[in-house]
């Protein structure tokens, strides 16, 4: 079964690319002080109350061998609502109404239902839909500002030593989220690039519901 980027964000398991996106042409990155990095990230995240976007996702192993390349659509809305639809060849839906999380694998005709963990430190996906104020409780944040392009890069490292990922990077261009990157302890990486985006527009509540056929096998977890 495929490894979906958003599912990897939702679980504290092996996370995972191209390192070229981490630099911006010849622009010089200004290192922002730790005291200013977290408030700046919170400012940007507070500016995203809802977001809809198409995406492209790449997963690579430690030797930079491609493991996966998929596309799809995503929706997030505070507090705690999100939907992640991955297209062929690995159709999968991950959706939460803010309290319950569903993971539906279309090919397997199987859905897993579990309680949503709202702790940002345990579920980095909630960076986009959870409470930004919790970031400093769970992550050490550093930031870099590219003066020539007004781009910002934030590096989040978990304070919990038991976390199964080592680095979460988010990249903003003119206050819009451009891409995210994760790296695990084994060197596997995942990058997602957000494309056609709509920010702070109303999203129908039904978007965050999952209507399953009776033939789907449902597995309930804690």
C-alpha atoms as a PDB file:
ATOM      1  CA  UNK A   1       0.000   0.000   0.000  1.00  0.00           C
ATOM      2  CA  UNK A   2       1.272   3.453  -0.873  1.00  0.00           C
ATOM      3  CA  UNK A   3       2.619   5.943   1.647  1.00  0.00           C
ATOM      4  CA  UNK A   4       0.531   9.138   1.415  1.00  0.00           C
ATOM      5  CA  UNK A   5       2.193  12.411   2.327  1.00  0.00           C
ATOM      6  CA  UNK A   6      -0.689  13.704   4.372  1.00  0.00           C
ATOM      7  CA  UNK A   7      -1.045  10.435   6.240  1.00  0.00           C
ATOM      8  CA  UNK A   8       2.653  10.686   7.037  1.00  0.00           C
ATOM      9  CA  UNK A   9       1.980  14.128   8.424  1.00  0.00           C
ATOM     10  CA  UNK A  10      -0.840  12.809  10.561  1.00  0.00           C
ATOM     11  CA  UNK A  11       1.126  10.033  12.221  1.00  0.00           C
ATOM     12  CA  UNK A  12       4.398  10.238  14.196  1.00  0.00           C
ATOM     13  CA  UNK A  13       5.988   7.542  12.035  1.00  0.00           C
ATOM     14  CA  UNK A  14       8.706   7.431   9.418  1.00  0.00           C
ATOM     15  CA  UNK A  15       8.544  10.765   7.573  1.00  0.00           C
ATOM     16  CA  UNK A  16      10.044  11.930   4.653  1.00  0.00           C
ATOM     17  CA  UNK A  17      13.738  15.402  -2.301  1.00  0.00           C
ATOM     18  CA  UNK A  18      15.025  17.586  -3.662  1.00  0.00           C
ATOM     19  CA  UNK A  19      17.218  19.908  -1.578  1.00  0.00           C
ATOM     20  CA  UNK A  20      17.346  22.468  -4.332  1.00  0.00           C
ATOM     21  CA  UNK A  21      14.118  24.107  -3.181  1.00  0.00           C
ATOM     22  CA  UNK A  22      15.778  25.038   0.086  1.00  0.00           C
ATOM     23  CA  UNK A  23      17.769  27.776  -1.613  1.00  0.00           C
ATOM     24  CA  UNK A  24      16.425  30.523  -3.812  1.00  0.00           C
ATOM     25  CA  UNK A  25      18.686  31.255  -6.797  1.00  0.00           C
ATOM     26  CA  UNK A  26      21.390  33.654  -5.654  1.00  0.00           C
ATOM     27  CA  UNK A  27      19.290  35.408  -3.024  1.00  0.00           C
ATOM     28  CA  UNK A  28      20.977  35.770   0.345  1.00  0.00           C
ATOM     29  CA  UNK A  29      19.107  34.327   3.320  1.00  0.00           C
ATOM     30  CA  UNK A  30      19.022  36.396   6.482  1.00  0.00           C
ATOM     31  CA  UNK A  31      19.101  34.261   9.634  1.00  0.00           C
ATOM     32  CA  UNK A  32      16.233  35.375  11.892  1.00  0.00           C
ATOM     33  CA  UNK A  33      16.751  35.290  15.659  1.00  0.00           C
ATOM     34  CA  UNK A  34      14.983  32.464  17.561  1.00  0.00           C
ATOM     35  CA  UNK A  35      12.988  35.068  19.497  1.00  0.00           C
ATOM     36  CA  UNK A  36      11.445  36.335  16.254  1.00  0.00           C
ATOM     37  CA  UNK A  37      11.175  33.075  14.294  1.00  0.00           C
ATOM     38  CA  UNK A  38       8.241  31.492  16.129  1.00  0.00           C
ATOM     39  CA  UNK A  39       6.086  34.653  16.295  1.00  0.00           C
ATOM     40  CA  UNK A  40       6.659  35.191  12.564  1.00  0.00           C
ATOM     41  CA  UNK A  41       5.560  31.645  11.729  1.00  0.00           C
ATOM     42  CA  UNK A  42       2.489  32.023  13.951  1.00  0.00           C
ATOM     43  CA  UNK A  43       1.692  35.277  12.146  1.00  0.00           C
ATOM     44  CA  UNK A  44       1.785  33.537   8.756  1.00  0.00           C
ATOM     45  CA  UNK A  45      -0.256  30.555   9.953  1.00  0.00           C
ATOM     46  CA  UNK A  46      -2.874  32.804  11.556  1.00  0.00           C
ATOM     47  CA  UNK A  47      -3.270  34.340   8.121  1.00  0.00           C
ATOM     48  CA  UNK A  48      -4.487  30.976   6.811  1.00  0.00           C
ATOM     49  CA  UNK A  49      -7.924  30.365   8.281  1.00  0.00           C
ATOM     50  CA  UNK A  50      -8.840  28.183   5.329  1.00  0.00           C
ATOM     51  CA  UNK A  51      -7.058  26.972   2.202  1.00  0.00           C
ATOM     52  CA  UNK A  52      -7.855  24.925  -0.881  1.00  0.00           C
ATOM     53  CA  UNK A  53      -5.110  23.844  -3.269  1.00  0.00           C
ATOM     54  CA  UNK A  54      -3.967  21.278  -5.777  1.00  0.00           C
ATOM     55  CA  UNK A  55      -0.622  19.682  -5.011  1.00  0.00           C
ATOM     56  CA  UNK A  56       2.184  17.534  -6.306  1.00  0.00           C
ATOM     57  CA  UNK A  57       4.065  15.262  -3.932  1.00  0.00           C
ATOM     58  CA  UNK A  58       7.435  13.542  -4.133  1.00  0.00           C
ATOM     59  CA  UNK A  59       8.839  10.910  -1.760  1.00  0.00           C
ATOM     60  CA  UNK A  60      12.496   9.869  -1.961  1.00  0.00           C
ATOM     61  CA  UNK A  61      14.714   7.525   0.003  1.00  0.00           C
ATOM     62  CA  UNK A  62      17.999   8.427   1.683  1.00  0.00           C
ATOM     63  CA  UNK A  63      19.891   7.869  -1.583  1.00  0.00           C
ATOM     64  CA  UNK A  64      17.539  10.233  -3.427  1.00  0.00           C
ATOM     65  CA  UNK A  65      15.839   7.400  -5.287  1.00  0.00           C
ATOM     66  CA  UNK A  66      12.257   8.280  -6.176  1.00  0.00           C
ATOM     67  CA  UNK A  67       9.680   6.246  -4.274  1.00  0.00           C
ATOM     68  CA  UNK A  68       6.506   8.094  -5.200  1.00  0.00           C
ATOM     69  CA  UNK A  69       5.166  10.973  -7.283  1.00  0.00           C
ATOM     70  CA  UNK A  70       1.451  11.740  -7.010  1.00  0.00           C
ATOM     71  CA  UNK A  71      -0.989  14.644  -7.384  1.00  0.00           C
ATOM     72  CA  UNK A  72      -4.209  15.563  -5.662  1.00  0.00           C
ATOM     73  CA  UNK A  73      -6.381  18.171  -3.951  1.00  0.00           C
ATOM     74  CA  UNK A  74      -6.414  19.408  -0.356  1.00  0.00           C
ATOM     75  CA  UNK A  75      -8.658  21.549   1.858  1.00  0.00           C
ATOM     76  CA  UNK A  76      -7.977  22.840   5.379  1.00  0.00           C
ATOM     77  CA  UNK A  77     -10.050  24.992   7.682  1.00  0.00           C
ATOM     78  CA  UNK A  78      -9.501  25.967  11.281  1.00  0.00           C
ATOM     79  CA  UNK A  79     -10.148  24.579  13.761  1.00  0.00           C
ATOM     80  CA  UNK A  80      -8.961  21.088  12.901  1.00  0.00           C
ATOM     81  CA  UNK A  81     -10.804  20.389   9.646  1.00  0.00           C
ATOM     82  CA  UNK A  82      -8.961  19.028   6.636  1.00  0.00           C
ATOM     83  CA  UNK A  83      -9.324  16.817   3.593  1.00  0.00           C
ATOM     84  CA  UNK A  84      -6.601  15.295   1.447  1.00  0.00           C
ATOM     85  CA  UNK A  85      -7.552  13.524  -1.789  1.00  0.00           C
ATOM     86  CA  UNK A  86      -4.760  11.725  -3.619  1.00  0.00           C
ATOM     87  CA  UNK A  87      -5.328  10.924  -7.291  1.00  0.00           C
ATOM     88  CA  UNK A  88      -4.311   7.871  -9.332  1.00  0.00           C
ATOM     89  CA  UNK A  89      -2.318   5.687  -9.176  1.00  0.00           C
ATOM     90  CA  UNK A  90      -2.905   5.689  -5.396  1.00  0.00           C
ATOM     91  CA  UNK A  91      -6.447   7.001  -4.783  1.00  0.00           C
ATOM     92  CA  UNK A  92      -6.885   7.764  -1.107  1.00  0.00           C
ATOM     93  CA  UNK A  93      -8.939  10.181   1.006  1.00  0.00           C
ATOM     94  CA  UNK A  94      -7.924  11.439   4.446  1.00  0.00           C
ATOM     95  CA  UNK A  95     -10.506  13.672   6.075  1.00  0.00           C
ATOM     96  CA  UNK A  96     -11.363  15.075   9.506  1.00  0.00           C
ATOM     97  CA  UNK A  97     -14.238  17.166  10.817  1.00  0.00           C
ATOM     98  CA  UNK A  98     -12.082  18.329  13.723  1.00  0.00           C
ATOM     99  CA  UNK A  99     -12.750  15.408  16.044  1.00  0.00           C
ATOM    100  CA  UNK A 100     -12.755  12.198  13.985  1.00  0.00           C
ATOM    101  CA  UNK A 101     -10.171  11.190  11.384  1.00  0.00           C
ATOM    102  CA  UNK A 102     -10.993   8.942   8.433  1.00  0.00           C
ATOM    103  CA  UNK A 103      -8.479   7.273   6.123  1.00  0.00           C
ATOM    104  CA  UNK A 104     -10.155   5.702   3.098  1.00  0.00           C
ATOM    105  CA  UNK A 105      -8.243   3.506   0.643  1.00  0.00           C
ATOM    106  CA  UNK A 106     -10.406   3.228  -2.435  1.00  0.00           C
ATOM    107  CA  UNK A 107      -8.598   0.275  -4.018  1.00  0.00           C
ATOM    108  CA  UNK A 108      -8.789  -1.746  -0.810  1.00  0.00           C
ATOM    109  CA  UNK A 109     -12.388  -0.705  -0.096  1.00  0.00           C
ATOM    110  CA  UNK A 110     -11.216  -0.107   3.467  1.00  0.00           C
ATOM    111  CA  UNK A 111     -11.606   2.861   5.817  1.00  0.00           C
ATOM    112  CA  UNK A 112      -9.927   3.454   9.167  1.00  0.00           C
ATOM    113  CA  UNK A 113     -11.670   5.638  11.756  1.00  0.00           C
ATOM    114  CA  UNK A 114      -9.786   7.133  14.695  1.00  0.00           C
ATOM    115  CA  UNK A 115      -9.939  10.008  17.152  1.00  0.00           C
ATOM    116  CA  UNK A 116      -8.041  13.041  15.911  1.00  0.00           C
ATOM    117  CA  UNK A 117      -4.995  13.948  17.990  1.00  0.00           C
ATOM    118  CA  UNK A 118      -5.068  17.734  18.332  1.00  0.00           C
ATOM    119  CA  UNK A 119      -1.540  18.024  19.693  1.00  0.00           C
ATOM    120  CA  UNK A 120       0.495  19.794  17.044  1.00  0.00           C
ATOM    121  CA  UNK A 121       3.631  18.061  18.249  1.00  0.00           C
ATOM    122  CA  UNK A 122       2.167  14.645  17.481  1.00  0.00           C
ATOM    123  CA  UNK A 123       0.435  15.575  14.234  1.00  0.00           C
ATOM    124  CA  UNK A 124       2.410  18.044  12.135  1.00  0.00           C
ATOM    125  CA  UNK A 125      -0.440  18.118   9.592  1.00  0.00           C
ATOM    126  CA  UNK A 126      -2.375  20.189  12.085  1.00  0.00           C
ATOM    127  CA  UNK A 127       0.152  22.924  11.515  1.00  0.00           C
ATOM    128  CA  UNK A 128      -2.307  24.122   8.855  1.00  0.00           C
ATOM    129  CA  UNK A 129      -5.559  23.445  10.676  1.00  0.00           C
ATOM    130  CA  UNK A 130      -4.737  23.406  14.391  1.00  0.00           C
ATOM    131  CA  UNK A 131      -3.819  26.066  16.927  1.00  0.00           C
ATOM    132  CA  UNK A 132      -0.602  27.878  15.882  1.00  0.00           C
ATOM    133  CA  UNK A 133      -0.038  28.946  19.497  1.00  0.00           C
ATOM    134  CA  UNK A 134       0.939  25.357  20.355  1.00  0.00           C
ATOM    135  CA  UNK A 135       3.955  25.411  18.039  1.00  0.00           C
ATOM    136  CA  UNK A 136       6.446  26.657  20.619  1.00  0.00           C
ATOM    137  CA  UNK A 137       5.357  23.906  23.039  1.00  0.00           C
ATOM    138  CA  UNK A 138       6.349  21.201  20.603  1.00  0.00           C
ATOM    139  CA  UNK A 139       8.944  22.593  18.204  1.00  0.00           C
ATOM    140  CA  UNK A 140      12.136  24.569  18.123  1.00  0.00           C
ATOM    141  CA  UNK A 141      11.740  26.994  15.235  1.00  0.00           C
ATOM    142  CA  UNK A 142      14.374  28.734  13.141  1.00  0.00           C
ATOM    143  CA  UNK A 143      13.695  31.035  10.216  1.00  0.00           C
ATOM    144  CA  UNK A 144      15.420  32.501   7.169  1.00  0.00           C
ATOM    145  CA  UNK A 145      14.300  35.483   5.116  1.00  0.00           C
ATOM    146  CA  UNK A 146      15.339  35.965   1.483  1.00  0.00           C
ATOM    147  CA  UNK A 147      15.432  39.733   1.001  1.00  0.00           C
ATOM    148  CA  UNK A 148      15.516  39.667  -2.797  1.00  0.00           C
ATOM    149  CA  UNK A 149      12.269  37.733  -3.120  1.00  0.00           C
ATOM    150  CA  UNK A 150      10.590  38.291   0.266  1.00  0.00           C
ATOM    151  CA  UNK A 151      10.464  34.528   0.798  1.00  0.00           C
ATOM    152  CA  UNK A 152      10.530  32.876   4.216  1.00  0.00           C
ATOM    153  CA  UNK A 153      11.676  29.403   5.227  1.00  0.00           C
ATOM    154  CA  UNK A 154      10.889  27.959   8.642  1.00  0.00           C
ATOM    155  CA  UNK A 155      12.641  24.888  10.070  1.00  0.00           C
ATOM    156  CA  UNK A 156      10.707  23.073  12.800  1.00  0.00           C
ATOM    157  CA  UNK A 157      12.477  20.443  14.896  1.00  0.00           C
ATOM    158  CA  UNK A 158      10.443  18.450  17.441  1.00  0.00           C
ATOM    159  CA  UNK A 159      11.329  18.834  21.101  1.00  0.00           C
ATOM    160  CA  UNK A 160      10.120  15.300  21.773  1.00  0.00           C
ATOM    161  CA  UNK A 161      13.160  13.045  21.382  1.00  0.00           C
ATOM    162  CA  UNK A 162      10.872  10.108  20.582  1.00  0.00           C
ATOM    163  CA  UNK A 163       9.497  11.786  17.472  1.00  0.00           C
ATOM    164  CA  UNK A 164      10.009   9.719  14.336  1.00  0.00           C
ATOM    165  CA  UNK A 165      10.784  12.733  12.157  1.00  0.00           C
ATOM    166  CA  UNK A 166      13.664  15.122  12.515  1.00  0.00           C
ATOM    167  CA  UNK A 167      12.707  18.105  10.418  1.00  0.00           C
ATOM    168  CA  UNK A 168       9.615  19.844   9.067  1.00  0.00           C
ATOM    169  CA  UNK A 169      10.197  22.773   6.714  1.00  0.00           C
ATOM    170  CA  UNK A 170       7.579  25.207   5.483  1.00  0.00           C
ATOM    171  CA  UNK A 171       8.213  27.767   2.788  1.00  0.00           C
ATOM    172  CA  UNK A 172       6.193  30.973   2.279  1.00  0.00           C
ATOM    173  CA  UNK A 173       6.292  33.343  -0.668  1.00  0.00           C
ATOM    174  CA  UNK A 174       4.613  36.711  -0.047  1.00  0.00           C
ATOM    175  CA  UNK A 175       2.831  35.148   2.945  1.00  0.00           C
ATOM    176  CA  UNK A 176       1.408  32.321   0.811  1.00  0.00           C
ATOM    177  CA  UNK A 177       2.365  28.749   1.611  1.00  0.00           C
ATOM    178  CA  UNK A 178       4.436  27.411  -1.288  1.00  0.00           C
ATOM    179  CA  UNK A 179       5.662  23.991  -0.150  1.00  0.00           C
ATOM    180  CA  UNK A 180       6.476  21.716   2.769  1.00  0.00           C
ATOM    181  CA  UNK A 181       9.293  19.265   3.337  1.00  0.00           C
ATOM    182  CA  UNK A 182       9.880  16.524   5.900  1.00  0.00           C
ATOM    183  CA  UNK A 183      12.868  14.375   6.702  1.00  0.00           C
ATOM    184  CA  UNK A 184      12.938  11.318   8.932  1.00  0.00           C
ATOM    185  CA  UNK A 185      15.726   9.766  10.984  1.00  0.00           C
ATOM    186  CA  UNK A 186      16.574   7.389   8.120  1.00  0.00           C
ATOM    187  CA  UNK A 187      16.995  10.172   5.585  1.00  0.00           C
ATOM    188  CA  UNK A 188      13.747   9.541   3.703  1.00  0.00           C
ATOM    189  CA  UNK A 189      12.203  12.780   2.534  1.00  0.00           C
ATOM    190  CA  UNK A 190       8.828  14.055   1.363  1.00  0.00           C
ATOM    191  CA  UNK A 191       8.148  17.286  -0.437  1.00  0.00           C
ATOM    192  CA  UNK A 192       4.785  18.702  -1.367  1.00  0.00           C
ATOM    193  CA  UNK A 193       4.342  21.686  -3.655  1.00  0.00           C
ATOM    194  CA  UNK A 194       1.055  23.576  -3.422  1.00  0.00           C
ATOM    195  CA  UNK A 195      -0.309  24.881  -6.699  1.00  0.00           C
ATOM    196  CA  UNK A 196      -3.588  26.565  -7.682  1.00  0.00           C
ATOM    197  CA  UNK A 197      -4.520  27.978  -4.271  1.00  0.00           C
ATOM    198  CA  UNK A 198      -7.519  29.724  -2.715  1.00  0.00           C
ATOM    199  CA  UNK A 199      -7.043  31.188   0.752  1.00  0.00           C
ATOM    200  CA  UNK A 200      -9.598  32.249   3.360  1.00  0.00           C
ATOM    201  CA  UNK A 201     -12.616  31.394   1.235  1.00  0.00           C
ATOM    202  CA  UNK A 202     -15.650  29.567   2.706  1.00  0.00           C
ATOM    203  CA  UNK A 203     -15.490  25.774   2.411  1.00  0.00           C
ATOM    204  CA  UNK A 204     -18.660  23.686   2.433  1.00  0.00           C
ATOM    205  CA  UNK A 205     -18.932  21.672   5.659  1.00  0.00           C
ATOM    206  CA  UNK A 206     -19.693  18.540   3.620  1.00  0.00           C
ATOM    207  CA  UNK A 207     -16.142  18.671   2.296  1.00  0.00           C
ATOM    208  CA  UNK A 208     -14.976  17.395   5.680  1.00  0.00           C
ATOM    209  CA  UNK A 209     -17.413  14.494   5.793  1.00  0.00           C
ATOM    210  CA  UNK A 210     -16.913  11.032   4.348  1.00  0.00           C
ATOM    211  CA  UNK A 211     -19.821   9.228   2.726  1.00  0.00           C
ATOM    212  CA  UNK A 212     -18.973   5.536   2.517  1.00  0.00           C
ATOM    213  CA  UNK A 213     -20.645   2.784   0.563  1.00  0.00           C
ATOM    214  CA  UNK A 214     -21.964  -0.175   2.544  1.00  0.00           C
ATOM    215  CA  UNK A 215     -19.376  -2.401   0.867  1.00  0.00           C
ATOM    216  CA  UNK A 216     -16.484  -0.558   2.554  1.00  0.00           C
ATOM    217  CA  UNK A 217     -14.801  -2.387   5.448  1.00  0.00           C
ATOM    218  CA  UNK A 218     -14.527   0.001   8.431  1.00  0.00           C
ATOM    219  CA  UNK A 219     -11.784  -0.415  11.051  1.00  0.00           C
ATOM    220  CA  UNK A 220     -12.117   1.602  14.250  1.00  0.00           C
ATOM    221  CA  UNK A 221      -9.052   2.582  16.270  1.00  0.00           C
ATOM    222  CA  UNK A 222      -8.714   4.550  19.501  1.00  0.00           C
END
